[in-house]
Amino acid sequence: QVQLVESGGGLVQAGGSLRLSCAASGNMFSINAMGWYRQAPGEQRELVARLTTSGSTSYADSVKGRFTISRDNAKNTVYLQMSSLKPEDTGVYYCAADVWTTRWERNNYWGQGTQVTVSS
């Protein structure tokens, strides 16, 4: 089993910054990709940013230029640096990992979520 533990959420004023962290642990052969999703009240969960082991990144258009995803492979940890935050960035942020648990088995895992609230 794989566990993802997130930290770093909170309340911040518009224009401020927050840094989210997500550490993966457990039975992992290798990690293919890690990323962040968010879900606002009444909305569907959406991709915010994703980073593959090879270094390829993808971002939601709404966060490009404001958010940066990075990863410490040695620590199996992914970070999301969020700057110039807007009220519409408010939501529960979930860490996700695409993991090979064995040489032949690949699964997706989710963290428990961390609340980010941006006040206007």
N, C-alpha and C. Protein backbone atom coordinates (compact mmCIF):
# COMPACT_ATOMS: atom_id res chain seq x y z
N GLN A 1 0.85 -1.20 0.00
CA GLN A 1 0.00 0.00 0.00
C GLN A 1 0.88 1.24 0.00
N VAL A 2 0.35 2.29 -0.61
CA VAL A 2 1.06 3.56 -0.71
C VAL A 2 0.27 4.63 0.03
N GLN A 3 0.96 5.44 0.81
CA GLN A 3 0.33 6.54 1.53
C GLN A 3 0.89 7.87 1.03
N LEU A 4 0.00 8.83 0.89
CA LEU A 4 0.38 10.19 0.52
C LEU A 4 -0.06 11.11 1.64
N VAL A 5 0.87 11.86 2.18
CA VAL A 5 0.57 12.77 3.29
C VAL A 5 0.87 14.19 2.84
N GLU A 6 -0.18 15.00 2.85
CA GLU A 6 -0.08 16.39 2.41
C GLU A 6 0.05 17.33 3.59
N SER A 7 0.66 18.47 3.35
CA SER A 7 0.74 19.53 4.36
C SER A 7 0.91 20.87 3.65
N GLY A 8 0.65 21.94 4.41
CA GLY A 8 0.92 23.27 3.89
C GLY A 8 -0.29 24.10 3.53
N GLY A 9 -1.47 23.55 3.62
CA GLY A 9 -2.65 24.35 3.30
C GLY A 9 -2.93 25.37 4.39
N GLY A 10 -3.91 26.22 4.14
CA GLY A 10 -4.27 27.22 5.13
C GLY A 10 -5.04 28.37 4.54
N LEU A 11 -5.13 29.43 5.30
CA LEU A 11 -5.85 30.64 4.91
C LEU A 11 -4.83 31.72 4.55
N VAL A 12 -5.04 32.35 3.40
CA VAL A 12 -4.11 33.39 2.95
C VAL A 12 -4.92 34.47 2.23
N GLN A 13 -4.42 35.68 2.27
CA GLN A 13 -5.08 36.76 1.56
C GLN A 13 -4.73 36.70 0.07
N ALA A 14 -5.61 37.26 -0.72
CA ALA A 14 -5.37 37.33 -2.16
C ALA A 14 -4.03 38.03 -2.41
N GLY A 15 -3.28 37.48 -3.35
CA GLY A 15 -1.95 38.00 -3.65
C GLY A 15 -0.85 37.32 -2.87
N GLY A 16 -1.22 36.54 -1.88
CA GLY A 16 -0.24 35.86 -1.05
C GLY A 16 0.25 34.56 -1.66
N SER A 17 1.04 33.84 -0.87
CA SER A 17 1.66 32.60 -1.33
C SER A 17 1.49 31.50 -0.31
N LEU A 18 1.48 30.28 -0.80
CA LEU A 18 1.48 29.08 0.03
C LEU A 18 2.30 28.02 -0.67
N ARG A 19 2.86 27.12 0.13
CA ARG A 19 3.59 25.99 -0.44
C ARG A 19 3.03 24.70 0.13
N LEU A 20 2.56 23.84 -0.76
CA LEU A 20 2.04 22.55 -0.37
C LEU A 20 3.12 21.48 -0.55
N SER A 21 3.10 20.51 0.35
CA SER A 21 4.02 19.38 0.26
C SER A 21 3.24 18.08 0.30
N CYS A 22 3.76 17.06 -0.36
CA CYS A 22 3.14 15.74 -0.34
C CYS A 22 4.24 14.70 -0.35
N ALA A 23 4.28 13.89 0.70
CA ALA A 23 5.28 12.84 0.82
C ALA A 23 4.64 11.48 0.58
N ALA A 24 5.24 10.71 -0.30
CA ALA A 24 4.76 9.36 -0.60
C ALA A 24 5.60 8.34 0.14
N SER A 25 4.92 7.34 0.69
CA SER A 25 5.63 6.27 1.38
C SER A 25 4.88 4.97 1.18
N GLY A 26 5.58 3.87 1.49
CA GLY A 26 4.95 2.57 1.35
C GLY A 26 5.67 1.70 0.35
N ASN A 27 4.94 0.73 -0.14
CA ASN A 27 5.49 -0.27 -1.03
C ASN A 27 5.48 0.24 -2.47
N MET A 28 6.61 0.80 -2.90
CA MET A 28 6.70 1.39 -4.24
C MET A 28 7.89 0.85 -4.98
N PHE A 29 7.66 0.35 -6.18
CA PHE A 29 8.76 -0.04 -7.05
C PHE A 29 9.36 1.20 -7.70
N SER A 30 8.48 2.07 -8.21
CA SER A 30 8.91 3.35 -8.75
C SER A 30 7.69 4.26 -8.89
N ILE A 31 7.95 5.55 -8.95
CA ILE A 31 6.88 6.53 -9.14
C ILE A 31 6.95 7.07 -10.56
N ASN A 32 5.85 6.98 -11.28
CA ASN A 32 5.81 7.48 -12.64
C ASN A 32 5.57 8.98 -12.68
N ALA A 33 4.64 9.43 -11.85
CA ALA A 33 4.30 10.86 -11.83
C ALA A 33 3.62 11.20 -10.52
N MET A 34 3.73 12.46 -10.14
CA MET A 34 2.98 12.98 -8.99
C MET A 34 2.37 14.31 -9.39
N GLY A 35 1.28 14.63 -8.73
CA GLY A 35 0.62 15.88 -9.11
C GLY A 35 -0.35 16.37 -8.06
N TRP A 36 -0.96 17.49 -8.38
CA TRP A 36 -1.93 18.12 -7.50
C TRP A 36 -3.23 18.37 -8.26
N TYR A 37 -4.33 18.06 -7.60
CA TYR A 37 -5.65 18.35 -8.09
C TYR A 37 -6.34 19.21 -7.05
N ARG A 38 -7.40 19.88 -7.45
CA ARG A 38 -8.17 20.64 -6.47
C ARG A 38 -9.65 20.51 -6.78
N GLN A 39 -10.42 20.70 -5.72
CA GLN A 39 -11.87 20.64 -5.86
C GLN A 39 -12.49 21.77 -5.05
N ALA A 40 -13.17 22.65 -5.75
CA ALA A 40 -13.90 23.74 -5.10
C ALA A 40 -15.30 23.25 -4.76
N PRO A 41 -15.95 23.89 -3.80
CA PRO A 41 -17.31 23.48 -3.42
C PRO A 41 -18.25 23.46 -4.62
N GLY A 42 -18.93 22.35 -4.81
CA GLY A 42 -19.87 22.24 -5.90
C GLY A 42 -19.26 22.02 -7.27
N GLU A 43 -17.94 21.86 -7.31
CA GLU A 43 -17.26 21.69 -8.58
C GLU A 43 -16.61 20.31 -8.66
N GLN A 44 -16.24 19.93 -9.88
CA GLN A 44 -15.52 18.68 -10.05
C GLN A 44 -14.04 18.87 -9.73
N ARG A 45 -13.41 17.78 -9.37
CA ARG A 45 -11.98 17.81 -9.12
C ARG A 45 -11.26 18.07 -10.45
N GLU A 46 -10.26 18.96 -10.40
CA GLU A 46 -9.54 19.31 -11.62
C GLU A 46 -8.04 19.23 -11.40
N LEU A 47 -7.33 18.95 -12.48
CA LEU A 47 -5.87 18.92 -12.42
C LEU A 47 -5.34 20.34 -12.26
N VAL A 48 -4.41 20.50 -11.33
CA VAL A 48 -3.72 21.77 -11.15
C VAL A 48 -2.33 21.72 -11.77
N ALA A 49 -1.58 20.69 -11.40
CA ALA A 49 -0.23 20.56 -11.94
C ALA A 49 0.22 19.11 -11.80
N ARG A 50 1.07 18.69 -12.73
CA ARG A 50 1.55 17.31 -12.73
C ARG A 50 3.00 17.30 -13.17
N LEU A 51 3.77 16.39 -12.57
CA LEU A 51 5.20 16.30 -12.87
C LEU A 51 5.59 14.83 -12.98
N THR A 52 6.16 14.47 -14.11
CA THR A 52 6.59 13.09 -14.29
C THR A 52 8.03 12.91 -13.80
N THR A 53 8.43 11.68 -13.65
CA THR A 53 9.79 11.38 -13.20
C THR A 53 10.83 11.91 -14.18
N SER A 54 10.46 11.95 -15.45
CA SER A 54 11.38 12.46 -16.47
C SER A 54 11.47 13.98 -16.48
N GLY A 55 10.62 14.62 -15.69
CA GLY A 55 10.69 16.07 -15.58
C GLY A 55 9.65 16.83 -16.40
N SER A 56 8.79 16.12 -17.06
CA SER A 56 7.73 16.77 -17.85
C SER A 56 6.66 17.33 -16.93
N THR A 57 6.27 18.59 -17.18
CA THR A 57 5.25 19.22 -16.34
C THR A 57 4.04 19.61 -17.17
N SER A 58 2.90 19.69 -16.50
CA SER A 58 1.70 20.22 -17.11
C SER A 58 0.94 20.99 -16.05
N TYR A 59 0.33 22.09 -16.47
CA TYR A 59 -0.39 22.97 -15.57
C TYR A 59 -1.77 23.31 -16.13
N ALA A 60 -2.70 23.54 -15.23
CA ALA A 60 -3.98 24.11 -15.65
C ALA A 60 -3.72 25.52 -16.16
N ASP A 61 -4.45 25.92 -17.18
CA ASP A 61 -4.25 27.26 -17.74
C ASP A 61 -4.43 28.34 -16.67
N SER A 62 -5.32 28.10 -15.74
CA SER A 62 -5.65 29.12 -14.73
C SER A 62 -4.51 29.37 -13.75
N VAL A 63 -3.53 28.47 -13.69
CA VAL A 63 -2.45 28.64 -12.71
C VAL A 63 -1.09 28.86 -13.36
N LYS A 64 -1.03 28.79 -14.67
CA LYS A 64 0.25 28.97 -15.36
C LYS A 64 0.84 30.34 -15.03
N GLY A 65 2.12 30.33 -14.71
CA GLY A 65 2.81 31.56 -14.37
C GLY A 65 2.69 31.94 -12.90
N ARG A 66 1.82 31.25 -12.17
CA ARG A 66 1.63 31.55 -10.74
C ARG A 66 2.03 30.37 -9.85
N PHE A 67 1.82 29.17 -10.32
CA PHE A 67 2.12 27.97 -9.54
C PHE A 67 3.31 27.24 -10.16
N THR A 68 4.10 26.62 -9.30
CA THR A 68 5.24 25.82 -9.76
C THR A 68 5.26 24.49 -9.02
N ILE A 69 5.32 23.41 -9.78
CA ILE A 69 5.42 22.09 -9.18
C ILE A 69 6.87 21.63 -9.25
N SER A 70 7.30 21.00 -8.17
CA SER A 70 8.67 20.47 -8.13
C SER A 70 8.67 19.19 -7.31
N ARG A 71 9.79 18.51 -7.36
CA ARG A 71 9.82 17.20 -6.72
C ARG A 71 11.21 16.90 -6.20
N ASP A 72 11.26 16.27 -5.04
CA ASP A 72 12.50 15.75 -4.48
C ASP A 72 12.42 14.23 -4.60
N ASN A 73 13.07 13.69 -5.60
CA ASN A 73 12.95 12.25 -5.85
C ASN A 73 13.50 11.42 -4.71
N ALA A 74 14.55 11.91 -4.07
CA ALA A 74 15.16 11.16 -2.97
C ALA A 74 14.20 11.01 -1.80
N LYS A 75 13.33 12.01 -1.65
CA LYS A 75 12.37 11.99 -0.53
C LYS A 75 10.98 11.56 -0.97
N ASN A 76 10.81 11.25 -2.25
CA ASN A 76 9.48 10.91 -2.79
C ASN A 76 8.45 11.97 -2.41
N THR A 77 8.86 13.20 -2.53
CA THR A 77 8.01 14.32 -2.12
C THR A 77 7.82 15.28 -3.29
N VAL A 78 6.59 15.74 -3.43
CA VAL A 78 6.27 16.73 -4.46
C VAL A 78 5.77 17.99 -3.78
N TYR A 79 6.12 19.12 -4.36
CA TYR A 79 5.76 20.43 -3.80
C TYR A 79 4.93 21.22 -4.82
N LEU A 80 4.10 22.08 -4.30
CA LEU A 80 3.38 23.02 -5.16
C LEU A 80 3.54 24.41 -4.56
N GLN A 81 4.35 25.22 -5.19
CA GLN A 81 4.52 26.60 -4.77
C GLN A 81 3.46 27.44 -5.46
N MET A 82 2.61 28.06 -4.65
CA MET A 82 1.50 28.84 -5.19
C MET A 82 1.72 30.31 -4.84
N SER A 83 1.75 31.14 -5.86
CA SER A 83 1.97 32.58 -5.67
C SER A 83 0.83 33.35 -6.33
N SER A 84 0.74 34.62 -5.97
CA SER A 84 -0.30 35.49 -6.53
C SER A 84 -1.66 34.82 -6.43
N LEU A 85 -1.95 34.29 -5.27
CA LEU A 85 -3.18 33.52 -5.09
C LEU A 85 -4.41 34.40 -5.26
N LYS A 86 -5.45 33.77 -5.80
CA LYS A 86 -6.72 34.44 -6.05
C LYS A 86 -7.82 33.71 -5.29
N PRO A 87 -8.91 34.40 -4.99
CA PRO A 87 -10.02 33.71 -4.30
C PRO A 87 -10.51 32.47 -5.05
N GLU A 88 -10.43 32.50 -6.37
CA GLU A 88 -10.88 31.34 -7.13
C GLU A 88 -9.93 30.14 -7.02
N ASP A 89 -8.80 30.31 -6.37
CA ASP A 89 -7.92 29.18 -6.10
C ASP A 89 -8.36 28.40 -4.86
N THR A 90 -9.36 28.90 -4.18
CA THR A 90 -9.86 28.24 -2.98
C THR A 90 -10.40 26.85 -3.29
N GLY A 91 -10.07 25.89 -2.42
CA GLY A 91 -10.58 24.54 -2.60
C GLY A 91 -9.77 23.56 -1.77
N VAL A 92 -10.14 22.31 -1.88
CA VAL A 92 -9.36 21.25 -1.26
C VAL A 92 -8.36 20.75 -2.30
N TYR A 93 -7.12 20.75 -1.92
CA TYR A 93 -6.05 20.32 -2.82
C TYR A 93 -5.64 18.90 -2.48
N TYR A 94 -5.65 18.05 -3.49
CA TYR A 94 -5.33 16.64 -3.31
C TYR A 94 -4.03 16.30 -4.04
N CYS A 95 -3.19 15.58 -3.36
CA CYS A 95 -1.99 15.04 -3.98
C CYS A 95 -2.35 13.70 -4.63
N ALA A 96 -1.75 13.43 -5.78
CA ALA A 96 -1.98 12.17 -6.48
C ALA A 96 -0.65 11.62 -6.95
N ALA A 97 -0.55 10.31 -6.96
CA ALA A 97 0.67 9.67 -7.42
C ALA A 97 0.33 8.48 -8.31
N ASP A 98 1.05 8.38 -9.40
CA ASP A 98 0.95 7.27 -10.35
C ASP A 98 2.15 6.37 -10.07
N VAL A 99 1.88 5.21 -9.47
CA VAL A 99 2.96 4.41 -8.88
C VAL A 99 3.00 3.00 -9.45
N TRP A 100 4.20 2.55 -9.76
CA TRP A 100 4.42 1.13 -10.02
C TRP A 100 4.71 0.50 -8.66
N THR A 101 3.78 -0.35 -8.17
CA THR A 101 4.00 -1.00 -6.89
C THR A 101 4.85 -2.27 -7.06
N THR A 102 4.79 -2.84 -8.24
CA THR A 102 5.69 -3.94 -8.61
C THR A 102 6.13 -3.66 -10.05
N ARG A 103 6.92 -4.53 -10.60
CA ARG A 103 7.38 -4.35 -11.98
C ARG A 103 6.21 -4.43 -12.97
N TRP A 104 5.08 -5.04 -12.50
CA TRP A 104 3.97 -5.27 -13.43
C TRP A 104 2.68 -4.58 -13.01
N GLU A 105 2.62 -4.04 -11.81
CA GLU A 105 1.37 -3.49 -11.31
C GLU A 105 1.50 -1.98 -11.10
N ARG A 106 0.56 -1.25 -11.66
CA ARG A 106 0.58 0.21 -11.60
C ARG A 106 -0.76 0.71 -11.10
N ASN A 107 -0.75 1.64 -10.13
CA ASN A 107 -1.98 2.15 -9.53
C ASN A 107 -1.87 3.65 -9.28
N ASN A 108 -3.01 4.27 -9.13
CA ASN A 108 -3.09 5.68 -8.75
C ASN A 108 -3.51 5.78 -7.29
N TYR A 109 -2.88 6.69 -6.58
CA TYR A 109 -3.18 6.89 -5.16
C TYR A 109 -3.47 8.36 -4.90
N TRP A 110 -4.26 8.60 -3.86
CA TRP A 110 -4.67 9.96 -3.50
C TRP A 110 -4.37 10.24 -2.04
N GLY A 111 -4.02 11.50 -1.77
CA GLY A 111 -3.90 11.94 -0.40
C GLY A 111 -5.27 12.30 0.17
N GLN A 112 -5.28 12.72 1.43
CA GLN A 112 -6.54 12.99 2.10
C GLN A 112 -7.07 14.39 1.79
N GLY A 113 -6.21 15.23 1.22
CA GLY A 113 -6.61 16.58 0.86
C GLY A 113 -6.23 17.60 1.92
N THR A 114 -5.91 18.78 1.46
CA THR A 114 -5.60 19.89 2.37
C THR A 114 -6.34 21.13 1.89
N GLN A 115 -6.95 21.85 2.81
CA GLN A 115 -7.78 23.00 2.45
C GLN A 115 -6.92 24.23 2.19
N VAL A 116 -7.19 24.89 1.08
CA VAL A 116 -6.59 26.18 0.78
C VAL A 116 -7.72 27.19 0.63
N THR A 117 -7.66 28.23 1.41
CA THR A 117 -8.68 29.28 1.35
C THR A 117 -8.00 30.62 1.09
N VAL A 118 -8.43 31.28 0.04
CA VAL A 118 -7.87 32.59 -0.32
C VAL A 118 -8.96 33.63 -0.12
N SER A 119 -8.70 34.55 0.78
CA SER A 119 -9.69 35.59 1.06
C SER A 119 -9.43 36.82 0.19
N SER A 120 -10.50 37.50 -0.13
CA SER A 120 -10.38 38.69 -1.00
C SER A 120 -10.15 39.95 -0.20
